[in-house]
Amino acid sequence: MAELWNTFILEPVLNSLIALTTVMGGSFGVAIVVLTVIVRLALYPLTVRQTRSTKAMQALQPQIQELQKKYAKNKQRLQQETMKLYKEVGINPLGCLWPMLIQLPIWIALYQSIMRALAATPENLLNLSRHLYSWAAVAHAVPLNEHFLWLRLSRPDPNLILAILVGGSMWVQQKMVTAPATDSRQQSMTSMTTLMMPLMFGMFTLSFPSGLALYWVISNIIGIVIQYFVTGGWGYLRSPAGSKPVPTRKLGPVEQQSPTIKKASQDKKGLFKR
């Protein structure tokens, strides 16, 4: 299993990073930024589907809440009716997770690549050489310079700047697609959920190499740009602070629903059918 991981995930990421460092004039930090852009471009179709699916699911919340009230004592029927609703509009609730799940192996491989590529001792350099391809661009780049801006890419950022950027950019992403809650209890829960992931990743940044945190920041910024253009603006981020929750109301048929739901329901290649 370790050999498969090294051959198909770790070594391609490691060697691509080192080769990009040569192309980028010896800057390992710029190489991480370029790799991030390449990864996000490769995942662009999935990211667009994720963004549209998330927005459509938010628009369905009033109907889902009605189902929860109607079948509060029948959990099995509630699950069936909820999945039926998703199927009618062509939404796969798991579709929102695919880009993050696909990026998870890249995060792990990038973490390992940073630690291996910035080998400081002869033993670490010997271990690194076992994973390098026989590319001229790779051979010429080693040993690498870990300094980038104010950072040492193999160590956490001591100034907390990256932690703030990671948490803040992730909060903006989530806030853009998180609809206002329909009552005070749900509003409190939604606020806690919106803050939990950014705070968690901000804490991770304090322990992980700043090179990995740099990847997170650039990836989040690209995600914000994609969401801005795909969803047509800043979404729920611009909702007035302290505004009252929108009351639940019953929506009409699928063809009378919001354009986002109509688009999802008309997509013959909807994620649910895949």
Protein backbone atom coordinates (compact mmCIF):
# COMPACT_ATOMS: atom_id res chain seq x y z
CA MET A 1 0.00 0.00 0.00
CA ALA A 2 2.85 2.36 0.86
CA GLU A 3 4.49 1.61 -2.47
CA LEU A 4 1.30 2.44 -4.34
CA TRP A 5 0.97 5.71 -2.43
CA ASN A 6 4.58 6.66 -3.16
CA THR A 7 4.39 5.71 -6.83
CA PHE A 8 1.06 7.22 -7.83
CA ILE A 9 0.56 10.17 -5.45
CA LEU A 10 3.58 11.23 -3.40
CA GLU A 11 6.30 11.03 -6.05
CA PRO A 12 4.31 12.84 -8.80
CA VAL A 13 3.53 15.70 -6.40
CA LEU A 14 7.07 15.82 -5.02
CA ASN A 15 8.77 15.82 -8.40
CA SER A 16 6.30 18.29 -9.89
CA LEU A 17 6.99 20.69 -7.02
CA ILE A 18 10.75 20.43 -7.44
CA ALA A 19 10.55 20.78 -11.23
CA LEU A 20 8.28 23.83 -10.86
CA THR A 21 10.83 25.31 -8.47
CA THR A 22 13.43 25.20 -11.24
CA VAL A 23 11.01 26.74 -13.74
CA MET A 24 10.07 29.48 -11.24
CA GLY A 25 13.67 30.60 -10.76
CA GLY A 26 14.40 28.54 -7.66
CA SER A 27 11.45 29.78 -5.55
CA PHE A 28 9.81 26.86 -3.76
CA GLY A 29 7.01 29.14 -2.50
CA VAL A 30 6.09 30.26 -6.02
CA ALA A 31 6.14 26.59 -7.08
CA ILE A 32 3.53 25.81 -4.38
CA VAL A 33 1.35 28.69 -5.62
CA VAL A 34 1.60 27.47 -9.24
CA LEU A 35 0.82 23.88 -8.23
CA THR A 36 -2.24 25.14 -6.34
CA VAL A 37 -3.51 26.94 -9.43
CA ILE A 38 -2.94 23.81 -11.56
CA VAL A 39 -4.85 21.63 -9.07
CA ARG A 40 -7.78 24.06 -8.88
CA LEU A 41 -7.95 24.34 -12.68
CA ALA A 42 -8.02 20.55 -12.94
CA LEU A 43 -10.85 20.43 -10.39
CA TYR A 44 -12.72 23.36 -11.93
CA PRO A 45 -15.62 21.31 -13.42
CA LEU A 46 -16.19 19.55 -10.09
CA THR A 47 -15.93 22.83 -8.20
CA VAL A 48 -18.57 24.46 -10.41
CA ARG A 49 -20.91 21.52 -9.86
CA GLN A 50 -20.24 21.67 -6.11
CA THR A 51 -20.99 25.40 -5.99
CA ARG A 52 -24.24 25.10 -7.93
CA SER A 53 -25.32 22.06 -5.95
CA THR A 54 -24.64 23.84 -2.65
CA LYS A 55 -26.64 26.89 -3.72
CA ALA A 56 -29.52 24.71 -4.92
CA MET A 57 -29.56 22.80 -1.62
CA GLN A 58 -29.73 26.08 0.27
CA ALA A 59 -32.75 27.10 -1.83
CA LEU A 60 -34.42 23.79 -0.91
CA GLN A 61 -34.12 24.36 2.84
CA PRO A 62 -37.72 25.59 3.32
CA GLN A 63 -39.09 22.40 1.72
CA ILE A 64 -36.70 20.20 3.69
CA GLN A 65 -37.79 21.86 6.93
CA GLU A 66 -41.42 21.20 6.04
CA LEU A 67 -40.58 17.54 5.50
CA GLN A 68 -38.81 17.45 8.86
CA LYS A 69 -41.91 18.78 10.58
CA LYS A 70 -44.26 16.48 8.68
CA TYR A 71 -42.27 13.29 9.30
CA ALA A 72 -40.70 14.19 12.64
CA LYS A 73 -41.76 10.83 14.12
CA ASN A 74 -40.88 8.72 11.07
CA LYS A 75 -37.16 9.03 10.35
CA GLN A 76 -37.20 6.39 7.62
CA ARG A 77 -40.02 8.15 5.72
CA LEU A 78 -38.24 11.49 6.22
CA GLN A 79 -35.08 10.12 4.62
CA GLN A 80 -37.05 8.66 1.71
CA GLU A 81 -38.95 11.90 1.05
CA THR A 82 -35.78 13.99 1.34
CA MET A 83 -33.91 11.82 -1.16
CA LYS A 84 -36.95 11.92 -3.44
CA LEU A 85 -36.87 15.72 -3.33
CA TYR A 86 -33.16 15.74 -4.17
CA LYS A 87 -33.79 13.39 -7.08
CA GLU A 88 -36.61 15.53 -8.48
CA VAL A 89 -34.33 18.55 -8.81
CA GLY A 90 -31.22 16.57 -9.84
CA ILE A 91 -29.10 17.27 -6.75
CA ASN A 92 -26.65 14.86 -5.17
CA PRO A 93 -26.04 15.92 -1.54
CA LEU A 94 -22.67 14.13 -1.62
CA GLY A 95 -21.64 16.14 -4.68
CA CYS A 96 -20.66 19.04 -2.42
CA LEU A 97 -17.94 16.92 -0.83
CA TRP A 98 -16.16 15.52 -3.90
CA PRO A 99 -13.69 18.40 -4.53
CA MET A 100 -12.60 18.35 -0.88
CA LEU A 101 -12.30 14.55 -0.82
CA ILE A 102 -10.22 14.59 -3.99
CA GLN A 103 -7.96 17.30 -2.57
CA LEU A 104 -7.36 15.38 0.68
CA PRO A 105 -4.70 13.02 -0.81
CA ILE A 106 -3.07 16.07 -2.42
CA TRP A 107 -2.90 17.83 0.97
CA ILE A 108 -1.24 14.77 2.54
CA ALA A 109 1.16 14.33 -0.38
CA LEU A 110 2.00 18.05 -0.32
CA TYR A 111 2.74 17.90 3.41
CA GLN A 112 5.04 14.92 2.91
CA SER A 113 6.61 16.52 -0.18
CA ILE A 114 7.46 19.73 1.67
CA MET A 115 9.06 17.83 4.54
CA ARG A 116 11.05 15.59 2.17
CA ALA A 117 12.00 18.23 -0.38
CA LEU A 118 13.42 20.58 2.25
CA ALA A 119 15.78 17.92 3.55
CA ALA A 120 18.42 19.49 5.79
CA THR A 121 20.57 16.50 6.80
CA PRO A 122 22.54 13.99 4.69
CA GLU A 123 20.20 11.21 5.84
CA ASN A 124 17.14 13.16 4.70
CA LEU A 125 18.80 14.00 1.38
CA LEU A 126 19.52 10.30 0.83
CA ASN A 127 15.89 9.44 1.57
CA LEU A 128 14.78 12.20 -0.81
CA SER A 129 16.94 10.86 -3.64
CA ARG A 130 15.00 7.58 -3.59
CA HIS A 131 11.84 9.38 -4.64
CA LEU A 132 13.25 11.66 -7.34
CA TYR A 133 12.76 11.17 -11.07
CA SER A 134 15.70 11.36 -13.43
CA TRP A 135 14.63 14.78 -14.70
CA ALA A 136 17.24 17.47 -15.25
CA ALA A 137 14.92 20.09 -13.78
CA VAL A 138 14.65 18.02 -10.59
CA ALA A 139 18.35 17.33 -10.21
CA HIS A 140 19.30 21.00 -10.67
CA ALA A 141 16.84 22.25 -8.03
CA VAL A 142 18.07 20.19 -5.05
CA PRO A 143 18.81 21.37 -2.38
CA LEU A 144 15.87 23.77 -2.18
CA ASN A 145 15.59 27.15 -0.51
CA GLU A 146 12.79 27.07 2.06
CA HIS A 147 12.56 30.86 2.49
CA PHE A 148 9.59 32.62 0.87
CA LEU A 149 8.49 36.12 1.85
CA TRP A 150 8.58 36.08 5.68
CA LEU A 151 8.08 32.30 5.84
CA ARG A 152 10.20 29.22 6.31
CA LEU A 153 8.06 26.80 4.34
CA SER A 154 8.98 23.73 6.40
CA ARG A 155 7.82 25.38 9.64
CA PRO A 156 4.58 26.99 10.88
CA ASP A 157 4.15 30.72 10.45
CA PRO A 158 5.22 32.31 13.77
CA ASN A 159 3.35 35.56 13.02
CA LEU A 160 -0.15 33.99 12.83
CA ILE A 161 -0.70 35.78 9.51
CA LEU A 162 -1.30 32.56 7.57
CA ALA A 163 -3.61 31.22 10.29
CA ILE A 164 -5.76 34.34 9.97
CA LEU A 165 -5.70 34.19 6.16
CA VAL A 166 -6.63 30.49 6.10
CA GLY A 167 -9.47 30.87 8.61
CA GLY A 168 -10.74 34.13 7.12
CA SER A 169 -10.75 32.95 3.51
CA MET A 170 -12.50 29.70 4.47
CA TRP A 171 -15.12 31.67 6.46
CA VAL A 172 -15.82 33.90 3.43
CA GLN A 173 -16.28 30.81 1.23
CA GLN A 174 -18.76 29.25 3.62
CA LYS A 175 -20.60 32.49 4.33
CA MET A 176 -21.19 33.08 0.61
CA VAL A 177 -23.31 29.92 0.33
CA THR A 178 -24.84 29.67 3.81
CA ALA A 179 -28.42 30.93 3.81
CA PRO A 180 -29.91 32.74 6.84
CA ALA A 181 -31.58 30.38 9.30
CA THR A 182 -35.36 30.30 9.64
CA ASP A 183 -35.47 30.58 13.45
CA SER A 184 -33.24 31.70 16.31
CA ARG A 185 -32.19 28.18 17.30
CA GLN A 186 -31.16 27.27 13.79
CA GLN A 187 -29.48 30.65 13.41
CA SER A 188 -27.23 29.87 16.38
CA MET A 189 -26.42 26.41 15.03
CA THR A 190 -25.69 27.79 11.54
CA SER A 191 -23.36 30.43 12.96
CA MET A 192 -21.49 27.81 14.97
CA THR A 193 -21.14 25.52 11.94
CA THR A 194 -19.92 28.39 9.76
CA LEU A 195 -17.21 29.23 12.28
CA MET A 196 -16.16 25.69 13.21
CA MET A 197 -14.31 24.69 10.02
CA PRO A 198 -12.42 28.01 9.60
CA LEU A 199 -11.32 27.90 13.25
CA MET A 200 -10.27 24.28 12.94
CA PHE A 201 -8.15 24.90 9.82
CA GLY A 202 -6.74 28.06 11.41
CA MET A 203 -5.59 25.93 14.36
CA PHE A 204 -4.11 23.36 11.97
CA THR A 205 -2.08 26.16 10.39
CA LEU A 206 -0.35 26.76 13.73
CA SER A 207 1.05 23.22 13.66
CA PHE A 208 1.53 22.42 9.96
CA PRO A 209 4.34 23.66 7.69
CA SER A 210 3.60 27.10 6.27
CA GLY A 211 4.03 25.65 2.76
CA LEU A 212 0.85 23.63 3.26
CA ALA A 213 -0.94 26.64 4.74
CA LEU A 214 0.13 28.66 1.69
CA TYR A 215 -1.59 26.03 -0.49
CA TRP A 216 -4.79 26.37 1.60
CA VAL A 217 -4.84 30.16 1.33
CA ILE A 218 -4.35 30.25 -2.44
CA SER A 219 -6.86 27.42 -2.92
CA ASN A 220 -9.47 29.25 -0.81
CA ILE A 221 -8.97 32.51 -2.70
CA ILE A 222 -9.44 30.72 -6.03
CA GLY A 223 -12.56 29.07 -4.61
CA ILE A 224 -13.97 32.47 -3.60
CA VAL A 225 -13.38 33.82 -7.12
CA ILE A 226 -15.09 30.79 -8.68
CA GLN A 227 -18.07 31.09 -6.32
CA TYR A 228 -18.36 34.81 -7.04
CA PHE A 229 -18.70 34.29 -10.80
CA VAL A 230 -20.67 31.02 -10.72
CA THR A 231 -23.28 32.19 -8.19
CA GLY A 232 -23.38 35.78 -9.44
CA GLY A 233 -21.91 37.84 -6.61
CA TRP A 234 -21.09 37.57 -2.92
CA GLY A 235 -24.20 35.55 -2.13
CA TYR A 236 -25.22 35.49 1.54
CA LEU A 237 -22.00 37.23 2.59
CA ARG A 238 -23.68 40.57 1.91
CA SER A 239 -26.76 39.78 3.99
CA PRO A 240 -27.35 42.63 6.46
CA ALA A 241 -25.86 41.93 9.85
CA GLY A 242 -28.45 41.16 12.46
CA SER A 243 -31.22 40.70 9.91
CA LYS A 244 -34.18 38.66 11.01
CA PRO A 245 -34.40 35.06 9.79
CA VAL A 246 -36.52 34.52 6.74
CA PRO A 247 -39.75 32.66 7.68
CA THR A 248 -40.34 29.26 6.22
CA ARG A 249 -42.70 29.24 3.28
CA LYS A 250 -43.99 26.52 1.02
CA LEU A 251 -42.51 26.57 -2.47
CA GLY A 252 -44.44 25.79 -5.59
CA PRO A 253 -43.68 23.11 -8.18
CA VAL A 254 -40.15 22.62 -9.46
CA GLU A 255 -40.74 24.79 -12.50
CA GLN A 256 -41.85 27.67 -10.24
CA GLN A 257 -38.84 27.45 -7.95
CA SER A 258 -35.67 29.52 -8.01
CA PRO A 259 -33.55 29.57 -11.20
CA THR A 260 -30.83 27.60 -9.41
CA ILE A 261 -33.20 24.71 -8.64
CA LYS A 262 -34.73 24.86 -12.10
CA LYS A 263 -31.28 24.64 -13.67
CA ALA A 264 -30.40 21.66 -11.50
CA SER A 265 -33.66 19.88 -12.29
CA GLN A 266 -33.21 20.43 -16.03
CA ASP A 267 -29.65 19.12 -16.04
CA LYS A 268 -29.93 15.69 -17.61
CA LYS A 269 -26.53 14.89 -16.29
CA GLY A 270 -27.45 15.85 -12.73
CA LEU A 271 -25.12 14.60 -10.02
CA PHE A 272 -27.78 12.39 -8.46
CA LYS A 273 -28.13 10.35 -11.66
CA ARG A 274 -24.42 9.75 -11.98
